[in-house]
Amino acid sequence: MDDGFGKIKVIPDHFQVSTPASEDSLQNRSSPDSQPSTGNSSRSCSSLWSRRKLRRAAFMLNLFSLRGLPWSGADGQEKVQLTAAELESLRSELADIEEREAHLKAELEHIDEILRSARLSGYLYIRSRWTALPGEPAPIDDIDVDDWLPRFVVLHGQCIFFYLCSTDLSPQDSTLLSDVVEVGPLPNFIREDEGTQYSFYILTRQGLRYECSHVSEVQVDTWLSALRTDCKLGSDVEVPNGS
């Protein structure tokens, strides 16, 4: 309905002028008669959403045009200027990458040296036992204890080296061949999901006994033959056929 003031007709404005949200809310609070209808409310929400999108776009443009992050140089080549902290972080990451590359290269050289110069090398299951000293009770029979662990064993020069894996640069343990006093077979046994295991032992003069096993009987025979030859031990002990 048109409102009249004397002879002047007042027609409600159905097309609102875009104003900031704070001014709209102030005008709505101060003038109850200016509350929009349902249709005007939806148009107002749409207008407010558009203004927010424009503000967000303007903010992103200002962000990318900061002096600290130019996206192109005077000669047209793309470049980004970094802060001192960002530059230091990049240098640290590059140093870590170079260190990792050097470590991997050393691992490859180590494996290559083993394959070229070692008399014998390969993965074996290993566990160790100490023999009882004079006066001590005999060790408990723990044949059912499954504490076999995979190790990469290397027969190189006058030593036997035990690595956690083939890429390790330093051995976990080692034994001089001159300390080996006995090498012989052990009864076969069966491991779950792996079938029959063929095994042998290496006994040192300190009383440390290494027990070694493998799924391949040929592999075990090869180790026994190589150790007996290098340690200058006899081979008069027969390999048992089973446990």
C-alpha atoms as a PDB file:
ATOM      1  CA  MET A   1       0.000   0.000   0.000  1.00  0.00           C
ATOM      2  CA  ASP A   2       1.325   3.437  -0.908  1.00  0.00           C
ATOM      3  CA  ASP A   3       1.982   5.818   1.938  1.00  0.00           C
ATOM      4  CA  GLY A   4       1.065   9.451   1.501  1.00  0.00           C
ATOM      5  CA  PHE A   5       2.383  12.595   3.046  1.00  0.00           C
ATOM      6  CA  GLY A   6       0.054  15.380   1.986  1.00  0.00           C
ATOM      7  CA  LYS A   7      -0.054  15.391  -1.812  1.00  0.00           C
ATOM      8  CA  ILE A   8       3.215  13.468  -2.140  1.00  0.00           C
ATOM      9  CA  LYS A   9       2.981   9.753  -2.898  1.00  0.00           C
ATOM     10  CA  VAL A  10       5.673   7.523  -1.431  1.00  0.00           C
ATOM     11  CA  ILE A  11       6.360   4.293  -3.346  1.00  0.00           C
ATOM     12  CA  PRO A  12       8.300   1.557  -1.478  1.00  0.00           C
ATOM     13  CA  ASP A  13      11.736   0.859  -2.992  1.00  0.00           C
ATOM     14  CA  HIS A  14      11.792  -2.799  -4.166  1.00  0.00           C
ATOM     15  CA  PHE A  15      15.360  -2.587  -5.405  1.00  0.00           C
ATOM     16  CA  GLN A  16      17.702  -2.165  -2.482  1.00  0.00           C
ATOM     17  CA  VAL A  17      21.014  -0.438  -2.970  1.00  0.00           C
ATOM     18  CA  SER A  18      24.012  -2.559  -2.023  1.00  0.00           C
ATOM     19  CA  THR A  19      25.243  -1.366   1.348  1.00  0.00           C
ATOM     20  CA  PRO A  20      27.661  -2.877   3.847  1.00  0.00           C
ATOM     21  CA  ALA A  21      26.232  -5.489   6.165  1.00  0.00           C
ATOM     22  CA  SER A  22      26.739  -3.255   9.196  1.00  0.00           C
ATOM     23  CA  GLU A  23      24.704  -0.449   7.600  1.00  0.00           C
ATOM     24  CA  ASP A  24      21.935  -2.880   6.622  1.00  0.00           C
ATOM     25  CA  SER A  25      21.676  -4.233  10.142  1.00  0.00           C
ATOM     26  CA  LEU A  26      21.726  -0.688  11.583  1.00  0.00           C
ATOM     27  CA  GLN A  27      18.970   0.431   9.197  1.00  0.00           C
ATOM     28  CA  ASN A  28      16.864  -2.646   9.989  1.00  0.00           C
ATOM     29  CA  ARG A  29      17.185  -2.052  13.730  1.00  0.00           C
ATOM     30  CA  SER A  30      16.377   1.664  13.514  1.00  0.00           C
ATOM     31  CA  SER A  31      13.420   1.458  11.074  1.00  0.00           C
ATOM     32  CA  PRO A  32      10.755  -1.191  11.796  1.00  0.00           C
ATOM     33  CA  ASP A  33       8.735  -0.160   8.728  1.00  0.00           C
ATOM     34  CA  SER A  34      11.682  -1.001   6.445  1.00  0.00           C
ATOM     35  CA  GLN A  35      11.666  -4.760   7.230  1.00  0.00           C
ATOM     36  CA  PRO A  36      11.689  -6.581   3.829  1.00  0.00           C
ATOM     37  CA  SER A  37       9.109  -9.109   2.809  1.00  0.00           C
ATOM     38  CA  THR A  38       9.885 -12.807   2.204  1.00  0.00           C
ATOM     39  CA  GLY A  39      10.838 -12.197  -1.426  1.00  0.00           C
ATOM     40  CA  ASN A  40      13.013  -9.250  -0.528  1.00  0.00           C
ATOM     41  CA  SER A  41      14.668 -11.341   2.208  1.00  0.00           C
ATOM     42  CA  SER A  42      15.856 -13.965  -0.285  1.00  0.00           C
ATOM     43  CA  ARG A  43      17.164 -11.247  -2.593  1.00  0.00           C
ATOM     44  CA  SER A  44      18.971  -9.646   0.355  1.00  0.00           C
ATOM     45  CA  CYS A  45      20.623 -12.967   1.328  1.00  0.00           C
ATOM     46  CA  SER A  46      21.740 -13.475  -2.257  1.00  0.00           C
ATOM     47  CA  SER A  47      23.172  -9.974  -2.360  1.00  0.00           C
ATOM     48  CA  LEU A  48      24.993 -10.530   0.957  1.00  0.00           C
ATOM     49  CA  TRP A  49      26.459 -13.830  -0.350  1.00  0.00           C
ATOM     50  CA  SER A  50      27.698 -12.086  -3.489  1.00  0.00           C
ATOM     51  CA  ARG A  51      29.353  -9.367  -1.450  1.00  0.00           C
ATOM     52  CA  ARG A  52      31.115 -11.987   0.678  1.00  0.00           C
ATOM     53  CA  LYS A  53      32.414 -13.764  -2.406  1.00  0.00           C
ATOM     54  CA  LEU A  54      33.710 -10.458  -3.781  1.00  0.00           C
ATOM     55  CA  ARG A  55      35.462  -9.695  -0.496  1.00  0.00           C
ATOM     56  CA  ARG A  56      37.063 -13.164  -0.478  1.00  0.00           C
ATOM     57  CA  ALA A  57      38.263 -12.762  -4.067  1.00  0.00           C
ATOM     58  CA  ALA A  58      39.657  -9.312  -3.277  1.00  0.00           C
ATOM     59  CA  PHE A  59      41.490 -10.727  -0.238  1.00  0.00           C
ATOM     60  CA  MET A  60      43.104 -13.487  -2.323  1.00  0.00           C
ATOM     61  CA  LEU A  61      44.209 -10.954  -4.950  1.00  0.00           C
ATOM     62  CA  ASN A  62      45.772  -8.788  -2.259  1.00  0.00           C
ATOM     63  CA  LEU A  63      47.484 -11.841  -0.752  1.00  0.00           C
ATOM     64  CA  PHE A  64      49.108 -12.865  -4.031  1.00  0.00           C
ATOM     65  CA  SER A  65      50.200  -9.315  -4.767  1.00  0.00           C
ATOM     66  CA  LEU A  66      52.180  -8.888  -1.524  1.00  0.00           C
ATOM     67  CA  ARG A  67      55.693  -7.535  -1.910  1.00  0.00           C
ATOM     68  CA  GLY A  68      57.176 -10.641  -0.257  1.00  0.00           C
ATOM     69  CA  LEU A  69      55.713 -13.065  -2.844  1.00  0.00           C
ATOM     70  CA  PRO A  70      56.077 -11.665  -6.375  1.00  0.00           C
ATOM     71  CA  TRP A  71      54.988 -14.166  -9.017  1.00  0.00           C
ATOM     72  CA  SER A  72      56.915 -12.661 -11.897  1.00  0.00           C
ATOM     73  CA  GLY A  73      60.055 -10.630 -12.296  1.00  0.00           C
ATOM     74  CA  ALA A  74      60.787  -7.609 -14.385  1.00  0.00           C
ATOM     75  CA  ASP A  75      62.130  -9.790 -17.176  1.00  0.00           C
ATOM     76  CA  GLY A  76      58.976 -11.918 -17.258  1.00  0.00           C
ATOM     77  CA  GLN A  77      60.583 -14.962 -15.611  1.00  0.00           C
ATOM     78  CA  GLU A  78      58.623 -16.548 -12.758  1.00  0.00           C
ATOM     79  CA  LYS A  79      60.248 -16.343  -9.336  1.00  0.00           C
ATOM     80  CA  VAL A  80      59.279 -16.423  -5.689  1.00  0.00           C
ATOM     81  CA  GLN A  81      61.094 -14.547  -2.950  1.00  0.00           C
ATOM     82  CA  LEU A  82      61.443 -16.460   0.321  1.00  0.00           C
ATOM     83  CA  THR A  83      61.924 -15.286   3.849  1.00  0.00           C
ATOM     84  CA  ALA A  84      65.090 -16.158   5.768  1.00  0.00           C
ATOM     85  CA  ALA A  85      63.234 -18.835   7.765  1.00  0.00           C
ATOM     86  CA  GLU A  86      61.785 -20.423   4.615  1.00  0.00           C
ATOM     87  CA  LEU A  87      65.209 -20.393   2.942  1.00  0.00           C
ATOM     88  CA  GLU A  88      66.817 -22.042   5.961  1.00  0.00           C
ATOM     89  CA  SER A  89      64.096 -24.709   5.982  1.00  0.00           C
ATOM     90  CA  LEU A  90      64.741 -25.446   2.297  1.00  0.00           C
ATOM     91  CA  ARG A  91      68.475 -25.738   2.907  1.00  0.00           C
ATOM     92  CA  SER A  92      67.843 -28.158   5.774  1.00  0.00           C
ATOM     93  CA  GLU A  93      65.602 -30.340   3.589  1.00  0.00           C
ATOM     94  CA  LEU A  94      68.216 -30.385   0.816  1.00  0.00           C
ATOM     95  CA  ALA A  95      70.897 -31.385   3.323  1.00  0.00           C
ATOM     96  CA  ASP A  96      68.701 -34.249   4.569  1.00  0.00           C
ATOM     97  CA  ILE A  97      68.152 -35.438   0.996  1.00  0.00           C
ATOM     98  CA  GLU A  98      71.898 -35.356   0.270  1.00  0.00           C
ATOM     99  CA  GLU A  99      72.607 -37.284   3.471  1.00  0.00           C
ATOM    100  CA  ARG A 100      69.985 -39.897   2.596  1.00  0.00           C
ATOM    101  CA  GLU A 101      71.444 -40.210  -0.916  1.00  0.00           C
ATOM    102  CA  ALA A 102      74.953 -40.715   0.491  1.00  0.00           C
ATOM    103  CA  HIS A 103      73.649 -43.359   2.906  1.00  0.00           C
ATOM    104  CA  LEU A 104      71.883 -45.283   0.135  1.00  0.00           C
ATOM    105  CA  LYS A 105      74.991 -45.082  -2.043  1.00  0.00           C
ATOM    106  CA  ALA A 106      77.095 -46.479   0.813  1.00  0.00           C
ATOM    107  CA  GLU A 107      74.617 -49.337   1.266  1.00  0.00           C
ATOM    108  CA  LEU A 108      74.818 -50.224  -2.430  1.00  0.00           C
ATOM    109  CA  GLU A 109      78.624 -50.124  -2.339  1.00  0.00           C
ATOM    110  CA  HIS A 110      78.583 -52.316   0.766  1.00  0.00           C
ATOM    111  CA  ILE A 111      76.361 -54.933  -0.888  1.00  0.00           C
ATOM    112  CA  ASP A 112      78.510 -54.825  -4.018  1.00  0.00           C
ATOM    113  CA  GLU A 113      81.657 -55.371  -1.962  1.00  0.00           C
ATOM    114  CA  ILE A 114      80.091 -58.324  -0.144  1.00  0.00           C
ATOM    115  CA  LEU A 115      78.972 -59.968  -3.371  1.00  0.00           C
ATOM    116  CA  ARG A 116      82.398 -59.503  -4.977  1.00  0.00           C
ATOM    117  CA  SER A 117      84.762 -60.318  -2.120  1.00  0.00           C
ATOM    118  CA  ALA A 118      82.927 -62.451   0.446  1.00  0.00           C
ATOM    119  CA  ARG A 119      83.574 -66.164   0.386  1.00  0.00           C
ATOM    120  CA  LEU A 120      79.982 -66.898   1.358  1.00  0.00           C
ATOM    121  CA  SER A 121      76.966 -64.790   2.308  1.00  0.00           C
ATOM    122  CA  GLY A 122      73.235 -65.219   2.727  1.00  0.00           C
ATOM    123  CA  TYR A 123      70.290 -65.079   5.078  1.00  0.00           C
ATOM    124  CA  LEU A 124      70.104 -67.632   7.882  1.00  0.00           C
ATOM    125  CA  TYR A 125      67.927 -67.979  10.952  1.00  0.00           C
ATOM    126  CA  ILE A 126      70.159 -67.471  13.988  1.00  0.00           C
ATOM    127  CA  ARG A 127      69.888 -67.935  17.728  1.00  0.00           C
ATOM    128  CA  SER A 128      72.688 -68.007  20.329  1.00  0.00           C
ATOM    129  CA  ARG A 129      73.296 -70.060  23.454  1.00  0.00           C
ATOM    130  CA  TRP A 130      76.008 -70.015  26.108  1.00  0.00           C
ATOM    131  CA  THR A 131      77.463 -73.322  27.252  1.00  0.00           C
ATOM    132  CA  ALA A 132      77.454 -73.995  30.983  1.00  0.00           C
ATOM    133  CA  LEU A 133      80.626 -73.070  32.820  1.00  0.00           C
ATOM    134  CA  PRO A 134      82.301 -75.617  35.137  1.00  0.00           C
ATOM    135  CA  GLY A 135      80.164 -76.043  38.233  1.00  0.00           C
ATOM    136  CA  GLU A 136      77.041 -74.547  36.667  1.00  0.00           C
ATOM    137  CA  PRO A 137      73.898 -76.641  36.114  1.00  0.00           C
ATOM    138  CA  ALA A 138      73.200 -77.817  32.601  1.00  0.00           C
ATOM    139  CA  PRO A 139      71.102 -75.378  30.542  1.00  0.00           C
ATOM    140  CA  ILE A 140      67.379 -76.057  30.314  1.00  0.00           C
ATOM    141  CA  ASP A 141      66.317 -77.905  27.195  1.00  0.00           C
ATOM    142  CA  ASP A 142      64.544 -75.147  25.235  1.00  0.00           C
ATOM    143  CA  ILE A 143      64.191 -76.924  21.916  1.00  0.00           C
ATOM    144  CA  ASP A 144      60.541 -75.862  21.725  1.00  0.00           C
ATOM    145  CA  VAL A 145      61.378 -72.156  22.170  1.00  0.00           C
ATOM    146  CA  ASP A 146      61.079 -70.401  18.814  1.00  0.00           C
ATOM    147  CA  ASP A 147      63.544 -67.538  19.141  1.00  0.00           C
ATOM    148  CA  TRP A 148      65.127 -67.859  15.694  1.00  0.00           C
ATOM    149  CA  LEU A 149      65.771 -64.484  14.070  1.00  0.00           C
ATOM    150  CA  PRO A 150      66.731 -63.794  10.445  1.00  0.00           C
ATOM    151  CA  ARG A 151      70.258 -62.485   9.997  1.00  0.00           C
ATOM    152  CA  PHE A 152      72.448 -61.794   6.978  1.00  0.00           C
ATOM    153  CA  VAL A 153      75.597 -63.839   7.589  1.00  0.00           C
ATOM    154  CA  VAL A 154      78.833 -63.060   5.755  1.00  0.00           C
ATOM    155  CA  LEU A 155      81.973 -65.209   5.694  1.00  0.00           C
ATOM    156  CA  HIS A 156      84.651 -62.710   4.755  1.00  0.00           C
ATOM    157  CA  GLY A 157      88.379 -62.916   5.354  1.00  0.00           C
ATOM    158  CA  GLN A 158      89.062 -64.225   8.854  1.00  0.00           C
ATOM    159  CA  CYS A 159      85.670 -63.287  10.314  1.00  0.00           C
ATOM    160  CA  ILE A 160      82.030 -64.296  10.321  1.00  0.00           C
ATOM    161  CA  PHE A 161      79.799 -61.201  10.333  1.00  0.00           C
ATOM    162  CA  PHE A 162      76.171 -61.145  11.428  1.00  0.00           C
ATOM    163  CA  TYR A 163      74.078 -58.283   9.984  1.00  0.00           C
ATOM    164  CA  LEU A 164      70.450 -57.486  10.732  1.00  0.00           C
ATOM    165  CA  CYS A 165      69.909 -57.193   6.968  1.00  0.00           C
ATOM    166  CA  SER A 166      72.026 -57.105   3.830  1.00  0.00           C
ATOM    167  CA  THR A 167      71.928 -53.278   3.554  1.00  0.00           C
ATOM    168  CA  ASP A 168      73.337 -52.610   7.047  1.00  0.00           C
ATOM    169  CA  LEU A 169      76.715 -50.910   7.002  1.00  0.00           C
ATOM    170  CA  SER A 170      77.828 -52.236  10.389  1.00  0.00           C
ATOM    171  CA  PRO A 171      77.430 -55.810  11.627  1.00  0.00           C
ATOM    172  CA  GLN A 172      75.443 -56.564  14.758  1.00  0.00           C
ATOM    173  CA  ASP A 173      77.979 -59.182  15.804  1.00  0.00           C
ATOM    174  CA  SER A 174      81.108 -60.902  14.514  1.00  0.00           C
ATOM    175  CA  THR A 175      83.314 -63.887  15.332  1.00  0.00           C
ATOM    176  CA  LEU A 176      86.903 -64.580  14.374  1.00  0.00           C
ATOM    177  CA  LEU A 177      87.454 -67.864  12.568  1.00  0.00           C
ATOM    178  CA  SER A 178      90.403 -68.492  14.884  1.00  0.00           C
ATOM    179  CA  ASP A 179      87.940 -68.507  17.816  1.00  0.00           C
ATOM    180  CA  VAL A 180      85.754 -71.202  16.249  1.00  0.00           C
ATOM    181  CA  VAL A 181      86.517 -74.562  17.867  1.00  0.00           C
ATOM    182  CA  GLU A 182      83.676 -76.676  16.549  1.00  0.00           C
ATOM    183  CA  VAL A 183      81.186 -76.720  13.672  1.00  0.00           C
ATOM    184  CA  GLY A 184      78.569 -79.396  13.204  1.00  0.00           C
ATOM    185  CA  PRO A 185      75.030 -80.306  12.192  1.00  0.00           C
ATOM    186  CA  LEU A 186      71.941 -80.132  14.386  1.00  0.00           C
ATOM    187  CA  PRO A 187      68.730 -82.186  14.189  1.00  0.00           C
ATOM    188  CA  ASN A 188      66.163 -80.981  11.698  1.00  0.00           C
ATOM    189  CA  PHE A 189      63.006 -79.366  13.014  1.00  0.00           C
ATOM    190  CA  ILE A 190      59.757 -78.001  11.620  1.00  0.00           C
ATOM    191  CA  ARG A 191      58.694 -74.373  11.809  1.00  0.00           C
ATOM    192  CA  GLU A 192      55.090 -73.344  11.340  1.00  0.00           C
ATOM    193  CA  ASP A 193      54.285 -72.253   7.757  1.00  0.00           C
ATOM    194  CA  GLU A 194      57.909 -72.857   6.664  1.00  0.00           C
ATOM    195  CA  GLY A 195      58.305 -76.612   6.695  1.00  0.00           C
ATOM    196  CA  THR A 196      61.469 -78.487   7.570  1.00  0.00           C
ATOM    197  CA  GLN A 197      64.465 -76.458   8.758  1.00  0.00           C
ATOM    198  CA  TYR A 198      67.999 -77.811   8.350  1.00  0.00           C
ATOM    199  CA  SER A 199      70.411 -76.491  10.957  1.00  0.00           C
ATOM    200  CA  PHE A 200      74.003 -76.453  12.194  1.00  0.00           C
ATOM    201  CA  TYR A 201      75.963 -74.805  14.990  1.00  0.00           C
ATOM    202  CA  ILE A 202      79.155 -72.791  15.408  1.00  0.00           C
ATOM    203  CA  LEU A 203      80.891 -73.054  18.794  1.00  0.00           C
ATOM    204  CA  THR A 204      83.537 -70.526  19.882  1.00  0.00           C
ATOM    205  CA  ARG A 205      86.291 -70.903  22.481  1.00  0.00           C
ATOM    206  CA  GLN A 206      84.454 -68.378  24.685  1.00  0.00           C
ATOM    207  CA  GLY A 207      81.552 -70.815  25.018  1.00  0.00           C
ATOM    208  CA  LEU A 208      79.174 -68.955  22.695  1.00  0.00           C
ATOM    209  CA  ARG A 209      77.217 -71.265  20.451  1.00  0.00           C
ATOM    210  CA  TYR A 210      75.543 -69.913  17.304  1.00  0.00           C
ATOM    211  CA  GLU A 211      72.743 -72.106  15.981  1.00  0.00           C
ATOM    212  CA  CYS A 212      71.893 -71.506  12.327  1.00  0.00           C
ATOM    213  CA  SER A 213      69.066 -72.873  10.182  1.00  0.00           C
ATOM    214  CA  HIS A 214      67.715 -72.648   6.642  1.00  0.00           C
ATOM    215  CA  VAL A 215      64.958 -74.234   4.587  1.00  0.00           C
ATOM    216  CA  SER A 216      67.532 -75.433   2.036  1.00  0.00           C
ATOM    217  CA  GLU A 217      69.621 -78.470   2.941  1.00  0.00           C
ATOM    218  CA  VAL A 218      72.060 -77.577   0.173  1.00  0.00           C
ATOM    219  CA  GLN A 219      72.578 -74.142   1.708  1.00  0.00           C
ATOM    220  CA  VAL A 220      73.328 -75.645   5.103  1.00  0.00           C
ATOM    221  CA  ASP A 221      75.764 -78.163   3.598  1.00  0.00           C
ATOM    222  CA  THR A 222      77.537 -75.322   1.771  1.00  0.00           C
ATOM    223  CA  TRP A 223      77.983 -73.354   4.993  1.00  0.00           C
ATOM    224  CA  LEU A 224      79.254 -76.404   6.866  1.00  0.00           C
ATOM    225  CA  SER A 225      81.775 -77.210   4.160  1.00  0.00           C
ATOM    226  CA  ALA A 226      83.044 -73.609   3.904  1.00  0.00           C
ATOM    227  CA  LEU A 227      83.363 -73.183   7.682  1.00  0.00           C
ATOM    228  CA  ARG A 228      85.159 -76.481   8.159  1.00  0.00           C
ATOM    229  CA  THR A 229      87.605 -75.586   5.409  1.00  0.00           C
ATOM    230  CA  ASP A 230      88.299 -72.035   6.592  1.00  0.00           C
ATOM    231  CA  CYS A 231      88.455 -72.989  10.268  1.00  0.00           C
ATOM    232  CA  LYS A 232      90.553 -76.084   9.429  1.00  0.00           C
ATOM    233  CA  LEU A 233      88.139 -78.407  11.225  1.00  0.00           C
ATOM    234  CA  GLY A 234      87.435 -82.060  10.482  1.00  0.00           C
ATOM    235  CA  SER A 235      84.247 -83.265   8.800  1.00  0.00           C
ATOM    236  CA  ASP A 236      83.779 -86.606  10.520  1.00  0.00           C
ATOM    237  CA  VAL A 237      80.376 -85.750  11.973  1.00  0.00           C
ATOM    238  CA  GLU A 238      77.384 -86.928   9.974  1.00  0.00           C
ATOM    239  CA  VAL A 239      74.329 -84.771   9.430  1.00  0.00           C
ATOM    240  CA  PRO A 240      71.293 -86.298  11.178  1.00  0.00           C
ATOM    241  CA  ASN A 241      68.291 -86.915   8.984  1.00  0.00           C
ATOM    242  CA  GLY A 242      65.695 -85.678  11.415  1.00  0.00           C
ATOM    243  CA  SER A 243      64.855 -84.881  14.982  1.00  0.00           C
END
